[in-house]
Amino acid sequence: MIEFPNYSRSYDRTRHAVRFWGYDSALEASFFIEEDALRRLQPDAHPNETGFLNAFDSNRDVICAAAARVYVRGSRGSYDLIAANF
C-alpha cells in the first residue's frame, strides 16, 4: 500500500505540474498533478507557482487519495494526475 508521509512538493515549470512523492515500503514513486487538475480542485487558484503549490497544500488529502488509486506497485517510476482523476 502506498503512503504519502513526505510533505515535500515542488512546482515543475517544464511539466506545468506539482511533483510529490509516495512510498510503498522501500519503493519511491513520483507523482505529478497537472495545473488543470489543480484548477479543477481549486478554481480560484492563482495561475503561478505559488498559487499551484497553495492549491496542492489545500487539497492534499484528495490528491493523495487519487494518487493511491492510480498507483500500481512496481509498474513505473512516475504517475500523472490529470483533471479527469478528480
Protein backbone atom coordinates (compact mmCIF):
# COMPACT_ATOMS: atom_id res chain seq x y z
CA MET A 1 0.00 0.00 0.00
CA ILE A 2 1.34 3.43 -0.91
CA GLU A 3 1.64 6.17 1.68
CA PHE A 4 2.47 9.87 1.47
CA PRO A 5 4.40 10.76 4.65
CA ASN A 6 6.70 13.20 2.86
CA TYR A 7 5.09 16.65 2.72
CA SER A 8 7.69 17.92 0.25
CA ARG A 9 6.39 19.08 -3.10
CA SER A 10 7.76 21.24 -5.85
CA TYR A 11 6.49 23.01 -8.92
CA ASP A 12 7.89 21.71 -12.22
CA ARG A 13 7.73 24.51 -14.77
CA THR A 14 8.57 22.29 -17.73
CA ARG A 15 5.71 19.88 -16.96
CA HIS A 16 3.30 22.55 -15.65
CA ALA A 17 2.68 20.34 -12.65
CA VAL A 18 3.34 19.92 -8.95
CA ARG A 19 5.57 16.98 -8.12
CA PHE A 20 5.25 14.94 -4.92
CA TRP A 21 6.34 11.51 -3.71
CA GLY A 22 4.76 8.39 -2.33
CA TYR A 23 6.33 5.36 -0.67
CA ASP A 24 5.41 1.70 -0.88
CA SER A 25 7.73 0.10 1.68
CA ALA A 26 11.19 0.89 0.28
CA LEU A 27 9.90 1.83 -3.18
CA GLU A 28 9.58 5.52 -4.01
CA ALA A 29 7.20 6.74 -6.71
CA SER A 30 6.98 10.25 -8.16
CA PHE A 31 3.62 11.81 -8.86
CA PHE A 32 2.78 14.88 -10.92
CA ILE A 33 -0.53 16.69 -10.70
CA GLU A 34 -1.15 18.90 -13.71
CA GLU A 35 -2.21 22.53 -13.47
CA ASP A 36 -5.62 21.73 -14.99
CA ALA A 37 -6.29 19.20 -12.24
CA LEU A 38 -5.32 21.73 -9.59
CA ARG A 39 -7.64 24.28 -11.21
CA ARG A 40 -10.46 21.75 -11.07
CA LEU A 41 -9.87 21.24 -7.36
CA GLN A 42 -9.42 24.94 -6.64
CA PRO A 43 -10.82 27.15 -9.40
CA ASP A 44 -9.68 30.36 -7.71
CA ALA A 45 -6.00 29.27 -7.60
CA HIS A 46 -3.60 31.91 -8.85
CA PRO A 47 -2.03 30.73 -12.14
CA ASN A 48 1.56 30.79 -10.89
CA GLU A 49 3.95 28.62 -8.89
CA THR A 50 2.80 29.91 -5.51
CA GLY A 51 -0.87 29.57 -6.42
CA PHE A 52 -0.48 25.98 -7.61
CA LEU A 53 1.55 24.98 -4.55
CA ASN A 54 -1.10 26.53 -2.30
CA ALA A 55 -3.83 24.66 -4.22
CA PHE A 56 -1.89 21.44 -3.69
CA ASP A 57 -1.49 22.09 0.02
CA SER A 58 -5.20 22.90 0.43
CA ASN A 59 -6.27 19.71 -1.34
CA ARG A 60 -3.50 17.33 -0.29
CA ASP A 61 -5.79 14.62 1.13
CA VAL A 62 -7.92 14.45 -2.02
CA ILE A 63 -4.82 14.47 -4.23
CA CYS A 64 -3.11 11.69 -2.26
CA ALA A 65 -6.28 9.59 -2.38
CA ALA A 66 -6.39 9.95 -6.18
CA ALA A 67 -2.69 9.12 -6.39
CA ALA A 68 -3.25 5.95 -4.37
CA ARG A 69 -5.99 4.90 -6.83
CA VAL A 70 -3.73 5.22 -9.89
CA TYR A 71 -0.67 3.66 -8.28
CA VAL A 72 0.32 0.13 -9.33
CA ARG A 73 3.23 -1.36 -7.38
CA GLY A 74 6.39 -1.62 -9.44
CA SER A 75 4.77 -0.70 -12.72
CA ARG A 76 6.62 2.59 -13.31
CA GLY A 77 8.58 5.33 -11.64
CA SER A 78 6.16 8.21 -12.04
CA TYR A 79 2.45 8.85 -12.37
CA ASP A 80 0.50 11.78 -13.80
CA LEU A 81 -2.73 13.00 -12.25
CA ILE A 82 -4.95 14.86 -14.67
CA ALA A 83 -8.25 16.70 -14.28
CA ALA A 84 -10.21 13.53 -15.14
CA ASN A 85 -8.85 11.90 -11.97
CA PHE A 86 -10.96 14.33 -9.88
